[in-house]
N, C-alpha and C. Protein backbone atom coordinates (compact mmCIF):
# COMPACT_ATOMS: atom_id res chain seq x y z
N MET A 1 0.85 -1.17 0.00
CA MET A 1 0.00 0.00 0.00
C MET A 1 0.90 1.23 0.00
N THR A 2 0.58 2.20 -0.86
CA THR A 2 1.35 3.44 -0.91
C THR A 2 0.69 4.48 -0.03
N GLN A 3 1.52 5.37 0.47
CA GLN A 3 1.00 6.43 1.33
C GLN A 3 1.10 7.75 0.57
N ASP A 4 -0.01 8.45 0.45
CA ASP A 4 -0.02 9.75 -0.21
C ASP A 4 0.62 10.79 0.70
N ALA A 5 1.24 11.78 0.10
CA ALA A 5 1.84 12.86 0.88
C ALA A 5 0.73 13.69 1.53
N THR A 6 1.03 14.22 2.69
CA THR A 6 0.08 15.09 3.38
C THR A 6 -0.01 16.40 2.62
N PRO A 7 -1.22 16.85 2.28
CA PRO A 7 -1.35 18.15 1.59
C PRO A 7 -0.70 19.26 2.41
N THR A 8 -0.05 20.18 1.74
CA THR A 8 0.69 21.26 2.40
C THR A 8 -0.17 22.04 3.38
N ASN A 9 -1.39 22.40 2.99
CA ASN A 9 -2.24 23.20 3.88
C ASN A 9 -2.61 22.43 5.14
N VAL A 10 -2.78 21.12 5.06
CA VAL A 10 -3.10 20.30 6.23
C VAL A 10 -1.89 20.25 7.17
N ALA A 11 -0.72 20.04 6.62
CA ALA A 11 0.50 19.99 7.44
C ALA A 11 0.74 21.31 8.14
N GLN A 12 0.51 22.42 7.46
CA GLN A 12 0.72 23.73 8.07
C GLN A 12 -0.26 23.97 9.21
N GLN A 13 -1.52 23.61 9.03
CA GLN A 13 -2.53 23.80 10.08
C GLN A 13 -2.26 22.91 11.28
N ALA A 14 -1.77 21.70 11.05
CA ALA A 14 -1.55 20.75 12.13
C ALA A 14 -0.34 21.12 12.98
N THR A 15 0.59 21.86 12.41
CA THR A 15 1.83 22.14 13.13
C THR A 15 2.01 23.59 13.52
N ARG A 16 1.05 24.44 13.22
CA ARG A 16 1.23 25.86 13.56
C ARG A 16 1.03 26.10 15.04
N MET A 17 1.76 27.09 15.55
CA MET A 17 1.60 27.47 16.95
C MET A 17 0.39 28.38 17.06
N THR A 18 -0.24 28.35 18.19
CA THR A 18 -1.39 29.22 18.39
C THR A 18 -1.19 30.07 19.63
N ASN A 19 -1.69 31.28 19.58
CA ASN A 19 -1.69 32.16 20.73
C ASN A 19 -3.11 32.33 21.25
N ASP A 20 -4.04 31.55 20.75
CA ASP A 20 -5.44 31.71 21.10
C ASP A 20 -5.79 30.94 22.36
N LEU A 21 -5.22 31.36 23.47
CA LEU A 21 -5.56 30.75 24.75
C LEU A 21 -6.53 31.64 25.52
N ARG A 22 -6.97 32.71 24.87
CA ARG A 22 -7.90 33.67 25.48
C ARG A 22 -7.37 34.17 26.83
N GLY A 23 -6.05 34.33 26.90
CA GLY A 23 -5.44 34.85 28.12
C GLY A 23 -5.34 33.83 29.24
N ALA A 24 -5.78 32.60 28.98
CA ALA A 24 -5.84 31.59 30.03
C ALA A 24 -4.49 30.93 30.26
N LEU A 25 -4.34 30.40 31.44
CA LEU A 25 -3.21 29.55 31.77
C LEU A 25 -3.66 28.11 31.59
N ILE A 26 -2.74 27.24 31.21
CA ILE A 26 -3.04 25.82 31.11
C ILE A 26 -2.11 25.09 32.06
N LEU A 27 -2.67 24.28 32.92
CA LEU A 27 -1.88 23.47 33.85
C LEU A 27 -1.42 22.22 33.12
N LEU A 28 -0.10 22.06 32.99
CA LEU A 28 0.45 20.89 32.31
C LEU A 28 0.74 19.74 33.27
N GLY A 29 1.01 20.08 34.54
CA GLY A 29 1.29 19.02 35.50
C GLY A 29 1.73 19.57 36.83
N THR A 30 1.69 18.69 37.83
CA THR A 30 2.16 19.03 39.17
C THR A 30 3.18 17.97 39.57
N PHE A 31 4.15 18.38 40.40
CA PHE A 31 5.20 17.45 40.80
C PHE A 31 5.87 17.97 42.06
N GLY A 32 6.81 17.20 42.58
CA GLY A 32 7.54 17.61 43.77
C GLY A 32 6.98 16.95 45.01
N SER A 33 7.57 17.30 46.13
CA SER A 33 7.16 16.72 47.41
C SER A 33 5.93 17.45 47.96
N ASN A 34 5.32 16.86 48.97
CA ASN A 34 4.18 17.51 49.62
C ASN A 34 4.60 18.82 50.28
N ASP A 35 5.84 18.88 50.77
CA ASP A 35 6.33 20.09 51.42
C ASP A 35 6.68 21.20 50.43
N HIS A 36 7.11 20.82 49.22
CA HIS A 36 7.53 21.80 48.21
C HIS A 36 6.98 21.44 46.83
N PRO A 37 5.66 21.46 46.68
CA PRO A 37 5.07 21.11 45.38
C PRO A 37 5.36 22.19 44.34
N LYS A 38 5.40 21.76 43.09
CA LYS A 38 5.61 22.67 41.96
C LYS A 38 4.59 22.32 40.88
N ALA A 39 4.43 23.25 39.96
CA ALA A 39 3.52 23.01 38.84
C ALA A 39 4.14 23.59 37.57
N LEU A 40 3.77 22.99 36.44
CA LEU A 40 4.16 23.51 35.13
C LEU A 40 2.94 24.15 34.50
N LEU A 41 3.07 25.41 34.12
CA LEU A 41 1.99 26.14 33.48
C LEU A 41 2.39 26.55 32.09
N LYS A 42 1.46 26.45 31.15
CA LYS A 42 1.68 26.98 29.80
C LYS A 42 1.00 28.34 29.74
N LEU A 43 1.78 29.35 29.38
CA LEU A 43 1.29 30.71 29.30
C LEU A 43 0.92 31.05 27.86
N ARG A 44 0.19 32.11 27.70
CA ARG A 44 -0.15 32.60 26.36
C ARG A 44 1.15 32.80 25.59
N GLY A 45 1.17 32.39 24.34
CA GLY A 45 2.37 32.50 23.53
C GLY A 45 3.23 31.25 23.59
N GLY A 46 2.84 30.28 24.42
CA GLY A 46 3.53 29.01 24.45
C GLY A 46 4.64 28.89 25.48
N LYS A 47 4.94 29.95 26.21
CA LYS A 47 5.99 29.88 27.22
C LYS A 47 5.56 28.95 28.35
N ILE A 48 6.52 28.17 28.88
CA ILE A 48 6.28 27.25 29.98
C ILE A 48 6.93 27.82 31.23
N ALA A 49 6.20 27.82 32.34
CA ALA A 49 6.73 28.33 33.60
C ALA A 49 6.60 27.27 34.68
N THR A 50 7.66 27.10 35.48
CA THR A 50 7.62 26.25 36.66
C THR A 50 7.33 27.17 37.84
N VAL A 51 6.27 26.85 38.60
CA VAL A 51 5.85 27.73 39.69
C VAL A 51 5.75 26.97 41.01
N SER A 52 5.86 27.73 42.10
CA SER A 52 5.71 27.23 43.46
C SER A 52 4.71 28.11 44.19
N ARG A 53 4.30 27.69 45.39
CA ARG A 53 3.42 28.52 46.21
C ARG A 53 4.06 29.88 46.42
N GLY A 54 3.25 30.94 46.31
CA GLY A 54 3.73 32.30 46.51
C GLY A 54 4.17 32.99 45.23
N ASP A 55 4.40 32.24 44.15
CA ASP A 55 4.78 32.87 42.88
C ASP A 55 3.58 33.62 42.30
N VAL A 56 3.86 34.66 41.54
CA VAL A 56 2.81 35.45 40.89
C VAL A 56 2.93 35.24 39.38
N VAL A 57 1.79 34.87 38.76
CA VAL A 57 1.73 34.64 37.32
C VAL A 57 0.53 35.40 36.79
N LYS A 58 0.78 36.29 35.83
CA LYS A 58 -0.30 37.08 35.22
C LYS A 58 -1.15 37.79 36.28
N GLY A 59 -0.52 38.28 37.34
CA GLY A 59 -1.22 39.02 38.38
C GLY A 59 -1.94 38.17 39.40
N GLU A 60 -1.81 36.85 39.30
CA GLU A 60 -2.45 35.94 40.25
C GLU A 60 -1.38 35.23 41.07
N THR A 61 -1.64 35.06 42.35
CA THR A 61 -0.69 34.40 43.24
C THR A 61 -1.04 32.92 43.37
N ILE A 62 -0.03 32.08 43.25
CA ILE A 62 -0.22 30.65 43.46
C ILE A 62 -0.36 30.43 44.97
N VAL A 63 -1.53 30.00 45.42
CA VAL A 63 -1.76 29.83 46.86
C VAL A 63 -1.75 28.37 47.31
N ALA A 64 -1.94 27.45 46.39
CA ALA A 64 -1.89 26.02 46.73
C ALA A 64 -1.61 25.22 45.48
N ILE A 65 -0.90 24.11 45.67
CA ILE A 65 -0.66 23.16 44.58
C ILE A 65 -0.96 21.77 45.13
N GLU A 66 -1.89 21.10 44.47
CA GLU A 66 -2.26 19.73 44.82
C GLU A 66 -2.10 18.89 43.56
N GLU A 67 -2.17 17.60 43.71
CA GLU A 67 -2.03 16.73 42.55
C GLU A 67 -3.10 17.05 41.50
N GLY A 68 -2.64 17.49 40.33
CA GLY A 68 -3.54 17.76 39.22
C GLY A 68 -4.28 19.09 39.25
N ARG A 69 -3.98 19.96 40.25
CA ARG A 69 -4.65 21.26 40.26
C ARG A 69 -3.84 22.29 41.05
N VAL A 70 -4.11 23.56 40.73
CA VAL A 70 -3.41 24.69 41.34
C VAL A 70 -4.46 25.73 41.72
N ALA A 71 -4.32 26.30 42.91
CA ALA A 71 -5.22 27.39 43.33
C ALA A 71 -4.50 28.72 43.11
N LEU A 72 -5.21 29.65 42.46
CA LEU A 72 -4.69 30.99 42.20
C LEU A 72 -5.62 32.01 42.84
N ALA A 73 -5.04 33.12 43.31
CA ALA A 73 -5.85 34.16 43.95
C ALA A 73 -5.45 35.53 43.43
N ARG A 74 -6.47 36.40 43.34
CA ARG A 74 -6.27 37.80 42.97
C ARG A 74 -7.33 38.62 43.68
N ASN A 75 -6.89 39.66 44.38
CA ASN A 75 -7.81 40.57 45.07
C ASN A 75 -8.80 39.84 45.98
N GLY A 76 -8.32 38.84 46.70
CA GLY A 76 -9.18 38.14 47.66
C GLY A 76 -10.08 37.08 47.07
N THR A 77 -10.01 36.86 45.76
CA THR A 77 -10.83 35.84 45.12
C THR A 77 -9.91 34.73 44.59
N ALA A 78 -10.23 33.48 44.95
CA ALA A 78 -9.42 32.34 44.53
C ALA A 78 -10.21 31.44 43.59
N HIS A 79 -9.48 30.72 42.75
CA HIS A 79 -10.10 29.72 41.88
C HIS A 79 -9.09 28.62 41.62
N TRP A 80 -9.60 27.45 41.26
CA TRP A 80 -8.75 26.32 40.96
C TRP A 80 -8.54 26.21 39.46
N LEU A 81 -7.32 25.88 39.08
CA LEU A 81 -6.97 25.57 37.70
C LEU A 81 -6.61 24.09 37.67
N ALA A 82 -7.36 23.31 36.90
CA ALA A 82 -7.13 21.87 36.85
C ALA A 82 -6.53 21.48 35.50
N MET A 83 -5.88 20.34 35.49
CA MET A 83 -5.32 19.83 34.24
C MET A 83 -6.45 19.48 33.30
N PRO A 84 -6.24 19.68 32.00
CA PRO A 84 -7.27 19.32 31.03
C PRO A 84 -7.51 17.81 31.05
N ALA A 85 -8.74 17.41 30.80
CA ALA A 85 -9.07 15.99 30.74
C ALA A 85 -8.43 15.39 29.49
N PRO A 86 -7.88 14.18 29.58
CA PRO A 86 -7.29 13.56 28.40
C PRO A 86 -8.36 13.26 27.36
N ARG A 87 -7.97 13.39 26.12
CA ARG A 87 -8.92 13.08 25.03
C ARG A 87 -8.95 11.58 24.81
N SER A 88 -10.12 11.08 24.51
CA SER A 88 -10.21 9.63 24.26
C SER A 88 -10.45 9.35 22.80
């Protein structure tokens, strides 16, 4: 069986970088010990940041890191950022 080449426009769309995160952070993972947990965040533009409790990212303070989620706070309001669900 022969394999046809991938059309150029399909290859370009599949491999292009996107900045369309709507300003959101994406949690890529959590790691480290219970005493010193860390998290990997993907920022708008594709930059990856390793963060710990007390770090400030995009004006929000990392207040807690648990397995698979991070709590961020700004102006007295906190919210959880969870890892995206795997696609099936």
